[in-house]
Amino acid sequence: MLRHELQPGKLVTGTLLILVGVLYAGDARGAWETPWFVAVPLVTGGLFLAGAVGFLTGRVRRRRTSGRTTTDEPGPDRAA
């Protein structure tokens, strides 16, 4: 299986949307009563949280890659 880059923002979005689906599925089966207006703050807050997580992930990844430099000169540990 090919490895891929982890994207935490999409993970947060998917988790919140699954939660909303489970809430309304439970309401449809009669397990509990979910008001119609519950989905709006959950989805809106989840998308905001996913955007913040995605932004922070991008900043961390950009900082990690900008700190790595390669040189052709031998370092102090390597003899020329």
PDB file of N, CA and C in Angstrom:
ATOM      1  N   MET A   1       0.838  -1.176   0.000  1.00  0.00           N
ATOM      2  CA  MET A   1       0.000   0.000   0.000  1.00  0.00           C
ATOM      3  C   MET A   1       0.886   1.243   0.000  1.00  0.00           C
ATOM      4  N   LEU A   2       0.553   2.197  -0.819  1.00  0.00           N
ATOM      5  CA  LEU A   2       1.331   3.416  -0.898  1.00  0.00           C
ATOM      6  C   LEU A   2       1.085   4.284   0.330  1.00  0.00           C
ATOM      7  N   ARG A   3       2.166   4.867   0.826  1.00  0.00           N
ATOM      8  CA  ARG A   3       2.024   5.771   1.964  1.00  0.00           C
ATOM      9  C   ARG A   3       1.657   7.154   1.443  1.00  0.00           C
ATOM     10  N   HIS A   4       0.871   7.854   2.209  1.00  0.00           N
ATOM     11  CA  HIS A   4       0.466   9.192   1.805  1.00  0.00           C
ATOM     12  C   HIS A   4       0.651  10.145   2.968  1.00  0.00           C
ATOM     13  N   GLU A   5       0.594  11.405   2.647  1.00  0.00           N
ATOM     14  CA  GLU A   5       0.786  12.448   3.644  1.00  0.00           C
ATOM     15  C   GLU A   5      -0.458  12.564   4.529  1.00  0.00           C
ATOM     16  N   LEU A   6      -0.258  12.574   5.841  1.00  0.00           N
ATOM     17  CA  LEU A   6      -1.369  12.731   6.777  1.00  0.00           C
ATOM     18  C   LEU A   6      -1.865  14.167   6.719  1.00  0.00           C
ATOM     19  N   GLN A   7      -3.176  14.328   6.619  1.00  0.00           N
ATOM     20  CA  GLN A   7      -3.779  15.657   6.582  1.00  0.00           C
ATOM     21  C   GLN A   7      -4.774  15.766   7.734  1.00  0.00           C
ATOM     22  N   PRO A   8      -4.317  16.301   8.881  1.00  0.00           N
ATOM     23  CA  PRO A   8      -5.165  16.364  10.074  1.00  0.00           C
ATOM     24  C   PRO A   8      -6.432  17.192   9.902  1.00  0.00           C
ATOM     25  N   GLY A   9      -6.410  18.207   9.060  1.00  0.00           N
ATOM     26  CA  GLY A   9      -7.611  19.019   8.844  1.00  0.00           C
ATOM     27  C   GLY A   9      -8.738  18.191   8.239  1.00  0.00           C
ATOM     28  N   LYS A  10      -8.409  17.346   7.279  1.00  0.00           N
ATOM     29  CA  LYS A  10      -9.419  16.476   6.674  1.00  0.00           C
ATOM     30  C   LYS A  10      -9.891  15.423   7.674  1.00  0.00           C
ATOM     31  N   LEU A  11      -8.999  14.977   8.548  1.00  0.00           N
ATOM     32  CA  LEU A  11      -9.371  14.019   9.587  1.00  0.00           C
ATOM     33  C   LEU A  11     -10.394  14.631  10.543  1.00  0.00           C
ATOM     34  N   VAL A  12     -10.174  15.878  10.948  1.00  0.00           N
ATOM     35  CA  VAL A  12     -11.110  16.573  11.843  1.00  0.00           C
ATOM     36  C   VAL A  12     -12.453  16.767  11.151  1.00  0.00           C
ATOM     37  N   THR A  13     -12.425  17.190   9.888  1.00  0.00           N
ATOM     38  CA  THR A  13     -13.670  17.402   9.148  1.00  0.00           C
ATOM     39  C   THR A  13     -14.466  16.109   9.029  1.00  0.00           C
ATOM     40  N   GLY A  14     -13.800  15.037   8.646  1.00  0.00           N
ATOM     41  CA  GLY A  14     -14.480  13.754   8.497  1.00  0.00           C
ATOM     42  C   GLY A  14     -15.071  13.260   9.797  1.00  0.00           C
ATOM     43  N   THR A  15     -14.329  13.409  10.880  1.00  0.00           N
ATOM     44  CA  THR A  15     -14.808  12.959  12.184  1.00  0.00           C
ATOM     45  C   THR A  15     -16.061  13.722  12.611  1.00  0.00           C
ATOM     46  N   LEU A  16     -16.047  15.044  12.425  1.00  0.00           N
ATOM     47  CA  LEU A  16     -17.219  15.846  12.808  1.00  0.00           C
ATOM     48  C   LEU A  16     -18.426  15.540  11.937  1.00  0.00           C
ATOM     49  N   LEU A  17     -18.210  15.344  10.649  1.00  0.00           N
ATOM     50  CA  LEU A  17     -19.347  15.037   9.783  1.00  0.00           C
ATOM     51  C   LEU A  17     -19.908  13.648  10.083  1.00  0.00           C
ATOM     52  N   ILE A  18     -19.062  12.707  10.444  1.00  0.00           N
ATOM     53  CA  ILE A  18     -19.547  11.389  10.865  1.00  0.00           C
ATOM     54  C   ILE A  18     -20.351  11.520  12.154  1.00  0.00           C
ATOM     55  N   LEU A  19     -19.897  12.358  13.083  1.00  0.00           N
ATOM     56  CA  LEU A  19     -20.628  12.590  14.331  1.00  0.00           C
ATOM     57  C   LEU A  19     -22.025  13.149  14.047  1.00  0.00           C
ATOM     58  N   VAL A  20     -22.121  14.121  13.147  1.00  0.00           N
ATOM     59  CA  VAL A  20     -23.433  14.686  12.797  1.00  0.00           C
ATOM     60  C   VAL A  20     -24.312  13.612  12.167  1.00  0.00           C
ATOM     61  N   GLY A  21     -23.731  12.780  11.304  1.00  0.00           N
ATOM     62  CA  GLY A  21     -24.491  11.691  10.692  1.00  0.00           C
ATOM     63  C   GLY A  21     -25.000  10.697  11.719  1.00  0.00           C
ATOM     64  N   VAL A  22     -24.163  10.371  12.705  1.00  0.00           N
ATOM     65  CA  VAL A  22     -24.577   9.439  13.758  1.00  0.00           C
ATOM     66  C   VAL A  22     -25.686  10.054  14.609  1.00  0.00           C
ATOM     67  N   LEU A  23     -25.580  11.342  14.901  1.00  0.00           N
ATOM     68  CA  LEU A  23     -26.635  12.003  15.680  1.00  0.00           C
ATOM     69  C   LEU A  23     -27.981  11.930  14.973  1.00  0.00           C
ATOM     70  N   TYR A  24     -27.995  12.229  13.693  1.00  0.00           N
ATOM     71  CA  TYR A  24     -29.259  12.201  12.964  1.00  0.00           C
ATOM     72  C   TYR A  24     -29.720  10.782  12.658  1.00  0.00           C
ATOM     73  N   ALA A  25     -28.797   9.838  12.524  1.00  0.00           N
ATOM     74  CA  ALA A  25     -29.206   8.433  12.345  1.00  0.00           C
ATOM     75  C   ALA A  25     -29.871   7.923  13.620  1.00  0.00           C
ATOM     76  N   GLY A  26     -29.327   8.283  14.779  1.00  0.00           N
ATOM     77  CA  GLY A  26     -29.952   7.908  16.046  1.00  0.00           C
ATOM     78  C   GLY A  26     -31.317   8.544  16.215  1.00  0.00           C
ATOM     79  N   ASP A  27     -31.456   9.771  15.731  1.00  0.00           N
ATOM     80  CA  ASP A  27     -32.759  10.442  15.783  1.00  0.00           C
ATOM     81  C   ASP A  27     -33.754   9.751  14.849  1.00  0.00           C
ATOM     82  N   ALA A  28     -33.305   9.346  13.691  1.00  0.00           N
ATOM     83  CA  ALA A  28     -34.198   8.691  12.728  1.00  0.00           C
ATOM     84  C   ALA A  28     -34.661   7.330  13.237  1.00  0.00           C
ATOM     85  N   ARG A  29     -33.812   6.628  13.969  1.00  0.00           N
ATOM     86  CA  ARG A  29     -34.186   5.318  14.513  1.00  0.00           C
ATOM     87  C   ARG A  29     -34.994   5.433  15.795  1.00  0.00           C
ATOM     88  N   GLY A  30     -35.074   6.623  16.361  1.00  0.00           N
ATOM     89  CA  GLY A  30     -35.865   6.820  17.569  1.00  0.00           C
ATOM     90  C   GLY A  30     -35.086   6.591  18.854  1.00  0.00           C
ATOM     91  N   ALA A  31     -33.770   6.482  18.774  1.00  0.00           N
ATOM     92  CA  ALA A  31     -32.958   6.267  19.972  1.00  0.00           C
ATOM     93  C   ALA A  31     -32.910   7.514  20.849  1.00  0.00           C
ATOM     94  N   TRP A  32     -32.905   8.681  20.238  1.00  0.00           N
ATOM     95  CA  TRP A  32     -32.921   9.946  20.968  1.00  0.00           C
ATOM     96  C   TRP A  32     -33.499  11.019  20.062  1.00  0.00           C
ATOM     97  N   GLU A  33     -33.731  12.179  20.640  1.00  0.00           N
ATOM     98  CA  GLU A  33     -34.316  13.299  19.896  1.00  0.00           C
ATOM     99  C   GLU A  33     -33.223  14.337  19.650  1.00  0.00           C
ATOM    100  N   THR A  34     -32.946  14.608  18.386  1.00  0.00           N
ATOM    101  CA  THR A  34     -31.945  15.601  18.011  1.00  0.00           C
ATOM    102  C   THR A  34     -32.657  16.777  17.341  1.00  0.00           C
ATOM    103  N   PRO A  35     -32.559  17.980  17.921  1.00  0.00           N
ATOM    104  CA  PRO A  35     -33.193  19.141  17.279  1.00  0.00           C
ATOM    105  C   PRO A  35     -32.552  19.432  15.918  1.00  0.00           C
ATOM    106  N   TRP A  36     -33.311  20.040  15.034  1.00  0.00           N
ATOM    107  CA  TRP A  36     -32.834  20.276  13.676  1.00  0.00           C
ATOM    108  C   TRP A  36     -31.668  21.252  13.629  1.00  0.00           C
ATOM    109  N   PHE A  37     -31.568  22.155  14.607  1.00  0.00           N
ATOM    110  CA  PHE A  37     -30.554  23.199  14.571  1.00  0.00           C
ATOM    111  C   PHE A  37     -29.209  22.772  15.164  1.00  0.00           C
ATOM    112  N   VAL A  38     -29.076  21.540  15.575  1.00  0.00           N
ATOM    113  CA  VAL A  38     -27.817  21.072  16.167  1.00  0.00           C
ATOM    114  C   VAL A  38     -26.711  20.964  15.121  1.00  0.00           C
ATOM    115  N   ALA A  39     -27.060  20.603  13.904  1.00  0.00           N
ATOM    116  CA  ALA A  39     -26.058  20.364  12.869  1.00  0.00           C
ATOM    117  C   ALA A  39     -25.309  21.637  12.470  1.00  0.00           C
ATOM    118  N   VAL A  40     -25.982  22.767  12.481  1.00  0.00           N
ATOM    119  CA  VAL A  40     -25.354  24.004  12.004  1.00  0.00           C
ATOM    120  C   VAL A  40     -24.135  24.391  12.844  1.00  0.00           C
ATOM    121  N   PRO A  41     -24.228  24.479  14.176  1.00  0.00           N
ATOM    122  CA  PRO A  41     -23.022  24.833  14.927  1.00  0.00           C
ATOM    123  C   PRO A  41     -21.966  23.727  14.895  1.00  0.00           C
ATOM    124  N   LEU A  42     -22.391  22.473  14.854  1.00  0.00           N
ATOM    125  CA  LEU A  42     -21.405  21.393  14.793  1.00  0.00           C
ATOM    126  C   LEU A  42     -20.607  21.440  13.498  1.00  0.00           C
ATOM    127  N   VAL A  43     -21.283  21.588  12.381  1.00  0.00           N
ATOM    128  CA  VAL A  43     -20.594  21.622  11.095  1.00  0.00           C
ATOM    129  C   VAL A  43     -19.767  22.894  10.959  1.00  0.00           C
ATOM    130  N   THR A  44     -20.335  24.027  11.351  1.00  0.00           N
ATOM    131  CA  THR A  44     -19.603  25.289  11.252  1.00  0.00           C
ATOM    132  C   THR A  44     -18.374  25.289  12.163  1.00  0.00           C
ATOM    133  N   GLY A  45     -18.553  24.879  13.398  1.00  0.00           N
ATOM    134  CA  GLY A  45     -17.415  24.800  14.319  1.00  0.00           C
ATOM    135  C   GLY A  45     -16.386  23.780  13.867  1.00  0.00           C
ATOM    136  N   GLY A  46     -16.854  22.662  13.332  1.00  0.00           N
ATOM    137  CA  GLY A  46     -15.927  21.647  12.837  1.00  0.00           C
ATOM    138  C   GLY A  46     -15.117  22.130  11.655  1.00  0.00           C
ATOM    139  N   LEU A  47     -15.756  22.854  10.737  1.00  0.00           N
ATOM    140  CA  LEU A  47     -15.019  23.397   9.598  1.00  0.00           C
ATOM    141  C   LEU A  47     -14.022  24.464  10.031  1.00  0.00           C
ATOM    142  N   PHE A  48     -14.410  25.275  11.009  1.00  0.00           N
ATOM    143  CA  PHE A  48     -13.472  26.271  11.546  1.00  0.00           C
ATOM    144  C   PHE A  48     -12.282  25.582  12.204  1.00  0.00           C
ATOM    145  N   LEU A  49     -12.555  24.563  13.017  1.00  0.00           N
ATOM    146  CA  LEU A  49     -11.482  23.826  13.678  1.00  0.00           C
ATOM    147  C   LEU A  49     -10.587  23.132  12.663  1.00  0.00           C
ATOM    148  N   ALA A  50     -11.177  22.550  11.626  1.00  0.00           N
ATOM    149  CA  ALA A  50     -10.388  21.887  10.590  1.00  0.00           C
ATOM    150  C   ALA A  50      -9.509  22.893   9.844  1.00  0.00           C
ATOM    151  N   GLY A  51     -10.032  24.078   9.591  1.00  0.00           N
ATOM    152  CA  GLY A  51      -9.225  25.112   8.948  1.00  0.00           C
ATOM    153  C   GLY A  51      -8.047  25.537   9.808  1.00  0.00           C
ATOM    154  N   ALA A  52      -8.290  25.686  11.111  1.00  0.00           N
ATOM    155  CA  ALA A  52      -7.207  26.055  12.026  1.00  0.00           C
ATOM    156  C   ALA A  52      -6.153  24.958  12.100  1.00  0.00           C
ATOM    157  N   VAL A  53      -6.597  23.714  12.168  1.00  0.00           N
ATOM    158  CA  VAL A  53      -5.654  22.585  12.221  1.00  0.00           C
ATOM    159  C   VAL A  53      -4.869  22.505  10.917  1.00  0.00           C
ATOM    160  N   GLY A  54      -5.540  22.674   9.788  1.00  0.00           N
ATOM    161  CA  GLY A  54      -4.849  22.655   8.500  1.00  0.00           C
ATOM    162  C   GLY A  54      -3.832  23.777   8.373  1.00  0.00           C
ATOM    163  N   PHE A  55      -4.193  24.957   8.856  1.00  0.00           N
ATOM    164  CA  PHE A  55      -3.267  26.090   8.823  1.00  0.00           C
ATOM    165  C   PHE A  55      -2.035  25.810   9.675  1.00  0.00           C
ATOM    166  N   LEU A  56      -2.255  25.314  10.894  1.00  0.00           N
ATOM    167  CA  LEU A  56      -1.123  25.013  11.769  1.00  0.00           C
ATOM    168  C   LEU A  56      -0.252  23.896  11.207  1.00  0.00           C
ATOM    169  N   THR A  57      -0.873  22.899  10.608  1.00  0.00           N
ATOM    170  CA  THR A  57      -0.111  21.808  10.001  1.00  0.00           C
ATOM    171  C   THR A  57       0.765  22.338   8.874  1.00  0.00           C
ATOM    172  N   GLY A  58       0.210  23.208   8.044  1.00  0.00           N
ATOM    173  CA  GLY A  58       0.996  23.799   6.962  1.00  0.00           C
ATOM    174  C   GLY A  58       2.160  24.617   7.481  1.00  0.00           C
ATOM    175  N   ARG A  59       1.932  25.373   8.545  1.00  0.00           N
ATOM    176  CA  ARG A  59       3.021  26.178   9.129  1.00  0.00           C
ATOM    177  C   ARG A  59       4.128  25.299   9.693  1.00  0.00           C
ATOM    178  N   VAL A  60       3.747  24.224  10.377  1.00  0.00           N
ATOM    179  CA  VAL A  60       4.756  23.324  10.952  1.00  0.00           C
ATOM    180  C   VAL A  60       5.544  22.641   9.847  1.00  0.00           C
ATOM    181  N   ARG A  61       4.870  22.176   8.819  1.00  0.00           N
ATOM    182  CA  ARG A  61       5.567  21.499   7.720  1.00  0.00           C
ATOM    183  C   ARG A  61       6.467  22.466   6.963  1.00  0.00           C
ATOM    184  N   ARG A  62       6.033  23.680   6.774  1.00  0.00           N
ATOM    185  CA  ARG A  62       6.855  24.671   6.079  1.00  0.00           C
ATOM    186  C   ARG A  62       8.100  24.999   6.895  1.00  0.00           C
ATOM    187  N   ARG A  63       7.940  25.074   8.208  1.00  0.00           N
ATOM    188  CA  ARG A  63       9.080  25.389   9.065  1.00  0.00           C
ATOM    189  C   ARG A  63      10.086  24.240   9.065  1.00  0.00           C
ATOM    190  N   ARG A  64       9.586  22.998   9.080  1.00  0.00           N
ATOM    191  CA  ARG A  64      10.489  21.846   9.064  1.00  0.00           C
ATOM    192  C   ARG A  64      11.293  21.768   7.778  1.00  0.00           C
ATOM    193  N   THR A  65      10.646  21.977   6.643  1.00  0.00           N
ATOM    194  CA  THR A  65      11.353  21.850   5.375  1.00  0.00           C
ATOM    195  C   THR A  65      12.282  23.025   5.119  1.00  0.00           C
ATOM    196  N   SER A  66      11.963  24.217   5.623  1.00  0.00           N
ATOM    197  CA  SER A  66      12.851  25.360   5.396  1.00  0.00           C
ATOM    198  C   SER A  66      14.104  25.269   6.248  1.00  0.00           C
ATOM    199  N   GLY A  67      14.085  24.534   7.326  1.00  0.00           N
ATOM    200  CA  GLY A  67      15.258  24.402   8.183  1.00  0.00           C
ATOM    201  C   GLY A  67      16.277  23.416   7.670  1.00  0.00           C
ATOM    202  N   ARG A  68      15.899  22.581   6.735  1.00  0.00           N
ATOM    203  CA  ARG A  68      16.817  21.578   6.207  1.00  0.00           C
ATOM    204  C   ARG A  68      17.577  22.145   5.018  1.00  0.00           C
ATOM    205  N   THR A  69      18.892  22.117   5.126  1.00  0.00           N
ATOM    206  CA  THR A  69      19.728  22.563   4.021  1.00  0.00           C
ATOM    207  C   THR A  69      20.746  21.485   3.720  1.00  0.00           C
ATOM    208  N   THR A  70      21.152  21.409   2.480  1.00  0.00           N
ATOM    209  CA  THR A  70      22.172  20.441   2.093  1.00  0.00           C
ATOM    210  C   THR A  70      23.374  21.195   1.557  1.00  0.00           C
ATOM    211  N   THR A  71      24.541  20.718   1.897  1.00  0.00           N
ATOM    212  CA  THR A  71      25.770  21.306   1.396  1.00  0.00           C
ATOM    213  C   THR A  71      26.630  20.200   0.833  1.00  0.00           C
ATOM    214  N   ASP A  72      27.472  20.554  -0.106  1.00  0.00           N
ATOM    215  CA  ASP A  72      28.380  19.588  -0.697  1.00  0.00           C
ATOM    216  C   ASP A  72      29.690  19.498   0.070  1.00  0.00           C
ATOM    217  N   GLU A  73      29.896  20.411   0.994  1.00  0.00           N
ATOM    218  CA  GLU A  73      31.128  20.404   1.758  1.00  0.00           C
ATOM    219  C   GLU A  73      31.049  19.370   2.874  1.00  0.00           C
ATOM    220  N   PRO A  74      32.172  18.708   3.152  1.00  0.00           N
ATOM    221  CA  PRO A  74      32.153  17.741   4.255  1.00  0.00           C
ATOM    222  C   PRO A  74      32.038  18.462   5.589  1.00  0.00           C
ATOM    223  N   GLY A  75      31.289  17.877   6.482  1.00  0.00           N
ATOM    224  CA  GLY A  75      31.107  18.442   7.804  1.00  0.00           C
ATOM    225  C   GLY A  75      32.277  18.121   8.706  1.00  0.00           C
ATOM    226  N   PRO A  76      32.187  18.513   9.972  1.00  0.00           N
ATOM    227  CA  PRO A  76      33.303  18.256  10.902  1.00  0.00           C
ATOM    228  C   PRO A  76      33.474  16.760  11.193  1.00  0.00           C
ATOM    229  N   ASP A  77      32.440  15.961  10.987  1.00  0.00           N
ATOM    230  CA  ASP A  77      32.537  14.545  11.275  1.00  0.00           C
ATOM    231  C   ASP A  77      33.131  13.750  10.117  1.00  0.00           C
ATOM    232  N   ARG A  78      33.070  14.301   8.910  1.00  0.00           N
ATOM    233  CA  ARG A  78      33.537  13.575   7.736  1.00  0.00           C
ATOM    234  C   ARG A  78      34.882  14.120   7.274  1.00  0.00           C
ATOM    235  N   ALA A  79      35.738  13.216   6.926  1.00  0.00           N
ATOM    236  CA  ALA A  79      37.049  13.635   6.402  1.00  0.00           C
ATOM    237  C   ALA A  79      36.932  13.839   4.891  1.00  0.00           C
ATOM    238  N   ALA A  80      37.683  14.788   4.381  1.00  0.00           N
ATOM    239  CA  ALA A  80      37.604  15.080   2.958  1.00  0.00           C
ATOM    240  C   ALA A  80      38.351  14.094   2.110  1.00  0.00           C
TER     241      ALA A  80
END
